[in-house]
Amino acid sequence: MRRLPPLAAVRVFEAAARYENFTSAAAELGMTQAAVSYQIKVLEERLGAPLFRREKRRVVLTEAGRRAAAPVTRAFDAIDAAFAAVRADDASVLNVSTTNTFANTWLVWRLGSFQMAHPEMAVRLLTNEAMADFASDEADVGIRSGRGDWEGLAAEKILAIDFTPMCSADFAERHRLRAPYDLLRVPQLSPHDPWWAHWLREAGVGVPDGPPRVGVRLDSQAHEGNAAMAGQGVAMLTPFFWRNDLAQGKLIRPFDQVSTRGYAYWLVYPEARRGVAKIKRFRDWLIAELARDVPSPV
C-alpha cells in the first residue's frame, strides 16, 4: 500500500521547487500565493520536515526539499508521458526549442521537410537562448549547446562545436589581416566571448590581462555572423553554420586554425518521454539531415 502525501500538495511543491518562488508557482497553477503557502505547510506537516526556508522576500529549498524536488519532477514527467500517447493535441503538434543560432543558420532551412514527411503534425519552433524548462514550457524537444550533462534529460550529441575568426574579404584587406596577432588591433565582435582568448592563445598570441576589450556585444552567433558579413568586425564563428556563406564569399576565414572547447549541440528531451512517437520521429529525421551536412561523425 502506497503512503502518498496529498497529491494536490505534491503538485504545488513541484512547481514551487522549480521556481523557488511561491508567487510564480501560484501563477502557473492558477492559485493564490496564500493557497500555495497553505499546501506547502500541509505537506511539511505530513512529512515532519521543512521543505523551504523562508527568507526575506523569498523562499529557498532546504536540503530535504532539494532531495525531494528532482525525483518529484521526474515523476510528473513520467505521468505526463503516460498520458501523452492518448492526447490527440499532444500528437498533433511538435514544439521544438532551440537557440537563435541553430535555428537561423540551419534548422529553419530544413524543418519544412520534416513537416512535409509528417503532414498530420504541425511543427512550432521556439527560439530562446535559455534551456527549455520542460515542466512548464510548451517544448517537446530542445536543441542546446553544452556538455550534455542535464539532470533528468536524455541528451544525444548531434554536432561538435568548433570555432575560428571570420570576416568579410573587404574587411580583411582593409585592415591588412596577415597574422593572428593582427586581430588584437581590429574591431572584434563580442570580445567578451571566452572563445576569443582561447583561440588567440592556441594561435600563439599573448592575450593581455585585464577586462575584455570594449566592442559591440551581440547575444548570438547568428547576429555576429551577419555583422561580420556587413564589415562591422571579426566574429568568432563555427564553420559548419556558415559554410554556405563561406562558399559564396560572403565570409572568409583569414587563418586556418580551428579551436574547440569540447562543447557540442545536443538533442534533449525528458527521459520519461523517450518513447513518445513524435519525439522519435523528429530525432530520426534530425540525425539523418545532419548526416548530409556533417563531413565526419561527431
Protein backbone atom coordinates (compact mmCIF):
# COMPACT_ATOMS: atom_id res chain seq x y z
CA MET A 1 0.00 0.00 0.00
CA ARG A 2 1.44 3.37 -1.04
CA ARG A 3 1.90 6.00 1.69
CA LEU A 4 1.47 9.01 -0.57
CA PRO A 5 1.14 12.53 0.77
CA PRO A 6 -1.78 14.62 -0.57
CA LEU A 7 -1.22 14.80 -4.33
CA ALA A 8 -2.59 18.34 -4.54
CA ALA A 9 0.13 19.44 -2.13
CA VAL A 10 2.78 17.47 -4.04
CA ARG A 11 1.77 19.23 -7.27
CA VAL A 12 2.14 22.60 -5.57
CA PHE A 13 5.52 21.61 -4.11
CA GLU A 14 6.83 20.56 -7.53
CA ALA A 15 6.01 23.95 -9.05
CA ALA A 16 7.28 25.91 -6.05
CA ALA A 17 10.53 23.91 -6.03
CA ARG A 18 11.18 24.65 -9.72
CA TYR A 19 10.79 28.38 -9.23
CA GLU A 20 11.83 28.66 -5.57
CA ASN A 21 9.12 31.28 -5.59
CA PHE A 22 5.57 30.87 -4.29
CA THR A 23 4.21 33.73 -6.40
CA SER A 24 5.48 32.21 -9.65
CA ALA A 25 4.15 28.78 -8.65
CA ALA A 26 0.77 30.31 -7.88
CA ALA A 27 0.66 31.99 -11.30
CA GLU A 28 1.45 28.71 -13.09
CA LEU A 29 -1.15 26.75 -11.13
CA GLY A 30 -3.88 29.39 -11.16
CA MET A 31 -3.87 29.69 -7.38
CA THR A 32 -3.28 32.45 -4.85
CA GLN A 33 0.05 32.74 -3.08
CA ALA A 34 -1.73 32.06 0.21
CA ALA A 35 -3.10 28.79 -1.19
CA VAL A 36 0.39 27.74 -2.26
CA SER A 37 1.77 28.52 1.21
CA TYR A 38 -1.05 26.50 2.80
CA GLN A 39 -0.40 23.44 0.62
CA ILE A 40 3.31 23.56 1.36
CA LYS A 41 2.53 23.78 5.08
CA VAL A 42 0.21 20.74 4.78
CA LEU A 43 2.96 18.76 3.08
CA GLU A 44 5.65 19.79 5.58
CA GLU A 45 3.41 18.78 8.49
CA ARG A 46 2.70 15.46 6.83
CA LEU A 47 6.40 14.78 6.28
CA GLY A 48 7.58 16.20 9.58
CA ALA A 49 10.34 18.20 7.89
CA PRO A 50 10.62 21.71 6.41
CA LEU A 51 10.88 21.80 2.62
CA PHE A 52 11.55 25.51 2.26
CA ARG A 53 13.47 28.03 4.31
CA ARG A 54 11.70 31.37 4.47
CA GLU A 55 13.98 34.34 3.95
CA LYS A 56 13.27 37.99 3.31
CA ARG A 57 11.01 38.22 0.24
CA ARG A 58 11.98 34.75 -0.97
CA VAL A 59 11.94 31.05 -0.19
CA VAL A 60 14.83 28.63 -0.60
CA LEU A 61 14.70 24.85 -0.72
CA THR A 62 16.07 23.10 2.34
CA GLU A 63 18.31 20.08 1.90
CA ALA A 64 15.28 17.82 2.36
CA GLY A 65 13.32 19.84 -0.18
CA ARG A 66 16.17 19.70 -2.68
CA ARG A 67 16.44 15.90 -2.33
CA ALA A 68 12.73 15.54 -2.99
CA ALA A 69 12.40 18.09 -5.82
CA ALA A 70 14.24 16.30 -8.65
CA PRO A 71 12.53 12.87 -8.31
CA VAL A 72 9.12 14.52 -7.88
CA THR A 73 9.63 16.48 -11.12
CA ARG A 74 10.69 13.29 -12.90
CA ALA A 75 7.56 11.57 -11.56
CA PHE A 76 5.36 14.31 -13.01
CA ASP A 77 7.23 13.99 -16.32
CA ALA A 78 6.51 10.27 -16.28
CA ILE A 79 2.81 10.90 -15.62
CA ASP A 80 2.75 13.39 -18.49
CA ALA A 81 4.43 10.86 -20.79
CA ALA A 82 1.98 8.15 -19.75
CA PHE A 83 -0.95 10.24 -20.95
CA ALA A 84 0.83 11.75 -23.96
CA ALA A 85 0.01 8.75 -26.13
CA VAL A 86 -3.72 9.25 -25.65
CA ARG A 87 -3.78 13.04 -26.01
CA ALA A 88 -4.74 13.96 -29.56
CA ASP A 89 -3.46 17.51 -29.19
CA ASP A 90 -0.08 16.26 -27.98
CA ALA A 91 0.36 14.07 -31.04
CA SER A 92 -0.73 16.76 -33.49
CA VAL A 93 1.83 19.44 -32.60
CA LEU A 94 5.61 19.21 -32.15
CA ASN A 95 7.19 22.09 -30.24
CA VAL A 96 10.94 22.41 -30.86
CA SER A 97 13.01 24.75 -28.67
CA THR A 98 16.46 25.88 -29.76
CA THR A 99 18.84 28.82 -29.93
CA ASN A 100 18.66 31.65 -32.45
CA THR A 101 21.95 30.50 -33.95
CA PHE A 102 20.94 26.88 -34.58
CA ALA A 103 17.53 27.96 -35.83
CA ASN A 104 18.67 30.70 -38.21
CA THR A 105 21.78 29.06 -39.64
CA TRP A 106 20.49 25.50 -40.11
CA LEU A 107 17.17 24.32 -38.69
CA VAL A 108 14.74 26.73 -40.38
CA TRP A 109 16.29 25.81 -43.74
CA ARG A 110 15.37 22.16 -43.19
CA LEU A 111 12.38 22.00 -40.85
CA GLY A 112 9.83 22.14 -43.64
CA SER A 113 10.95 18.75 -44.92
CA PHE A 114 10.11 17.19 -41.55
CA GLN A 115 6.60 18.65 -41.63
CA MET A 116 6.12 17.51 -45.23
CA ALA A 117 7.14 13.99 -44.24
CA HIS A 118 4.60 14.13 -41.40
CA PRO A 119 1.71 16.21 -42.74
CA GLU A 120 -0.54 15.13 -39.87
CA MET A 121 1.67 17.06 -37.47
CA ALA A 122 2.14 20.82 -37.09
CA VAL A 123 5.64 22.00 -36.15
CA ARG A 124 6.23 25.02 -33.93
CA LEU A 125 9.71 26.48 -33.46
CA LEU A 126 10.52 28.26 -30.18
CA THR A 127 13.79 30.25 -30.11
CA ASN A 128 15.39 31.16 -26.81
CA GLU A 129 18.95 31.16 -25.54
CA ALA A 130 17.95 29.59 -22.21
CA MET A 131 17.47 25.87 -21.68
CA ALA A 132 13.81 24.91 -22.06
CA ASP A 133 12.01 24.10 -18.82
CA PHE A 134 10.13 21.01 -19.98
CA ALA A 135 7.98 21.04 -16.86
CA SER A 136 6.44 24.44 -17.54
CA ASP A 137 7.26 25.36 -21.15
CA GLU A 138 5.49 24.00 -24.22
CA ALA A 139 8.65 22.43 -25.66
CA ASP A 140 8.63 18.74 -26.56
CA VAL A 141 12.31 18.64 -27.55
CA GLY A 142 15.21 21.05 -27.33
CA ILE A 143 18.47 21.54 -29.23
CA ARG A 144 21.04 23.12 -26.95
CA SER A 145 24.79 23.61 -26.68
CA GLY A 146 26.80 22.38 -23.73
CA ARG A 147 28.40 19.20 -22.46
CA GLY A 148 25.26 17.06 -22.32
CA ASP A 149 25.00 16.78 -18.55
CA TRP A 150 21.46 17.96 -17.81
CA GLU A 151 19.80 16.12 -14.94
CA GLY A 152 16.61 14.30 -15.86
CA LEU A 153 17.06 14.82 -19.59
CA ALA A 154 18.04 12.40 -22.31
CA ALA A 155 20.79 14.07 -24.36
CA GLU A 156 22.09 12.90 -27.74
CA LYS A 157 25.13 14.59 -29.25
CA ILE A 158 24.34 15.81 -32.76
CA LEU A 159 27.06 18.34 -33.67
CA ALA A 160 30.51 19.12 -32.29
CA ILE A 161 31.21 22.83 -31.82
CA ASP A 162 34.45 24.39 -33.06
CA PHE A 163 35.30 27.99 -33.90
CA THR A 164 37.63 30.27 -35.86
CA PRO A 165 37.67 34.00 -36.73
CA MET A 166 35.67 35.09 -39.77
CA CYS A 167 35.06 38.40 -41.51
CA SER A 168 34.28 39.84 -44.92
CA ALA A 169 37.02 39.76 -47.57
CA ASP A 170 36.88 43.54 -47.82
CA PHE A 171 37.36 43.91 -44.05
CA ALA A 172 40.37 41.58 -44.07
CA GLU A 173 42.02 43.50 -46.91
CA ARG A 174 41.20 46.91 -45.49
CA HIS A 175 42.70 46.03 -42.09
CA ARG A 176 45.60 44.01 -43.52
CA LEU A 177 44.93 40.81 -41.58
CA ARG A 178 48.12 38.86 -42.21
CA ALA A 179 48.81 37.09 -38.88
CA PRO A 180 46.70 36.15 -35.82
CA TYR A 181 48.36 38.94 -33.84
CA ASP A 182 46.63 41.46 -36.13
CA LEU A 183 43.31 40.51 -34.54
CA LEU A 184 44.30 42.48 -31.43
CA ARG A 185 44.13 45.78 -33.31
CA VAL A 186 40.85 45.39 -35.22
CA PRO A 187 37.23 45.50 -34.03
CA GLN A 188 36.22 42.18 -32.50
CA LEU A 189 32.52 41.30 -32.39
CA SER A 190 31.50 40.15 -28.90
CA PRO A 191 35.05 40.50 -27.48
CA HIS A 192 33.78 39.32 -24.09
CA ASP A 193 33.25 35.82 -25.52
CA PRO A 194 35.84 33.44 -23.93
CA TRP A 195 36.29 31.80 -27.35
CA TRP A 196 38.42 34.80 -28.34
CA ALA A 197 41.09 34.33 -25.66
CA HIS A 198 41.10 30.56 -26.18
CA TRP A 199 41.62 30.78 -29.95
CA LEU A 200 44.26 33.52 -29.70
CA ARG A 201 46.31 31.63 -27.13
CA GLU A 202 46.22 28.48 -29.26
CA ALA A 203 47.42 30.63 -32.17
CA GLY A 204 50.40 31.73 -30.07
CA VAL A 205 49.11 35.23 -29.38
CA GLY A 206 49.61 36.62 -25.90
CA VAL A 207 46.25 37.89 -24.65
CA PRO A 208 46.64 40.94 -22.39
CA ASP A 209 45.44 40.53 -18.82
CA GLY A 210 42.52 42.56 -17.60
CA PRO A 211 38.90 43.02 -18.61
CA PRO A 212 37.73 42.12 -22.14
CA ARG A 213 38.13 44.70 -24.87
CA VAL A 214 35.42 47.24 -25.45
CA GLY A 215 33.35 46.42 -28.51
CA VAL A 216 29.96 45.51 -29.92
CA ARG A 217 28.36 42.74 -27.86
CA LEU A 218 25.77 40.58 -29.60
CA ASP A 219 23.63 37.91 -27.99
CA SER A 220 24.01 35.12 -30.54
CA GLN A 221 26.39 33.78 -33.16
CA ALA A 222 23.64 34.33 -35.74
CA HIS A 223 23.86 38.08 -35.17
CA GLU A 224 27.66 38.06 -35.01
CA GLY A 225 27.93 36.33 -38.39
CA ASN A 226 25.63 38.82 -40.07
CA ALA A 227 27.53 41.73 -38.55
CA ALA A 228 30.79 40.24 -39.83
CA MET A 229 29.35 39.94 -43.35
CA ALA A 230 28.40 43.61 -43.12
CA GLY A 231 32.04 44.52 -42.42
CA GLN A 232 31.48 45.50 -38.79
CA GLY A 233 34.38 43.46 -37.42
CA VAL A 234 35.76 39.95 -36.95
CA ALA A 235 33.49 37.33 -35.38
CA MET A 236 34.45 34.04 -33.73
CA LEU A 237 32.18 31.58 -35.53
CA THR A 238 31.52 27.86 -36.01
CA PRO A 239 32.41 26.99 -39.64
CA PHE A 240 29.58 24.46 -40.01
CA PHE A 241 26.91 27.11 -39.54
CA TRP A 242 28.48 29.48 -42.09
CA ARG A 243 29.64 27.02 -44.74
CA ASN A 244 27.26 28.41 -47.39
CA ASP A 245 28.35 32.00 -46.73
CA LEU A 246 31.99 30.90 -46.89
CA ALA A 247 31.35 29.11 -50.20
CA GLN A 248 29.66 32.21 -51.61
CA GLY A 249 32.48 34.51 -50.47
CA LYS A 250 30.30 36.49 -48.06
CA LEU A 251 32.66 35.46 -45.27
CA ILE A 252 36.28 34.33 -45.26
CA ARG A 253 38.49 32.57 -42.74
CA PRO A 254 41.69 34.65 -42.51
CA PHE A 255 43.52 31.84 -40.71
CA ASP A 256 43.42 28.03 -40.92
CA GLN A 257 43.41 27.28 -37.21
CA VAL A 258 40.13 25.94 -35.77
CA SER A 259 39.75 25.54 -31.99
CA THR A 260 37.31 23.78 -29.70
CA ARG A 261 36.48 23.71 -26.00
CA GLY A 262 34.73 20.36 -26.01
CA TYR A 263 31.18 21.65 -26.38
CA ALA A 264 28.55 20.29 -28.73
CA TYR A 265 24.93 20.68 -29.75
CA TRP A 266 22.62 18.10 -28.21
CA LEU A 267 19.08 16.93 -28.81
CA VAL A 268 17.42 16.93 -25.39
CA TYR A 269 14.05 15.84 -24.04
CA PRO A 270 12.69 14.50 -20.74
CA GLU A 271 13.94 10.98 -20.08
CA ALA A 272 10.38 9.86 -19.38
CA ARG A 273 9.26 10.90 -22.89
CA ARG A 274 11.93 8.93 -24.76
CA GLY A 275 9.31 6.60 -26.24
CA VAL A 276 6.84 9.27 -27.45
CA ALA A 277 6.29 8.69 -31.18
CA LYS A 278 6.63 12.28 -32.39
CA ILE A 279 9.90 12.73 -30.48
CA LYS A 280 11.31 9.54 -32.01
CA ARG A 281 10.29 10.71 -35.49
CA PHE A 282 11.94 14.09 -35.03
CA ARG A 283 15.09 12.53 -33.59
CA ASP A 284 15.46 10.15 -36.55
CA TRP A 285 14.84 12.95 -39.06
CA LEU A 286 17.30 15.35 -37.36
CA ILE A 287 20.15 12.83 -37.28
CA ALA A 288 19.58 11.87 -40.92
CA GLU A 289 19.51 15.51 -42.07
CA LEU A 290 22.66 16.44 -40.15
CA ALA A 291 24.43 13.40 -41.61
CA ARG A 292 24.02 15.01 -45.05
CA ASP A 293 25.99 18.09 -43.96
CA VAL A 294 28.45 16.97 -41.28
CA PRO A 295 31.59 15.74 -43.06
CA SER A 296 32.62 13.29 -40.33
CA PRO A 297 30.99 11.61 -37.31
CA VAL A 298 30.52 13.87 -34.27
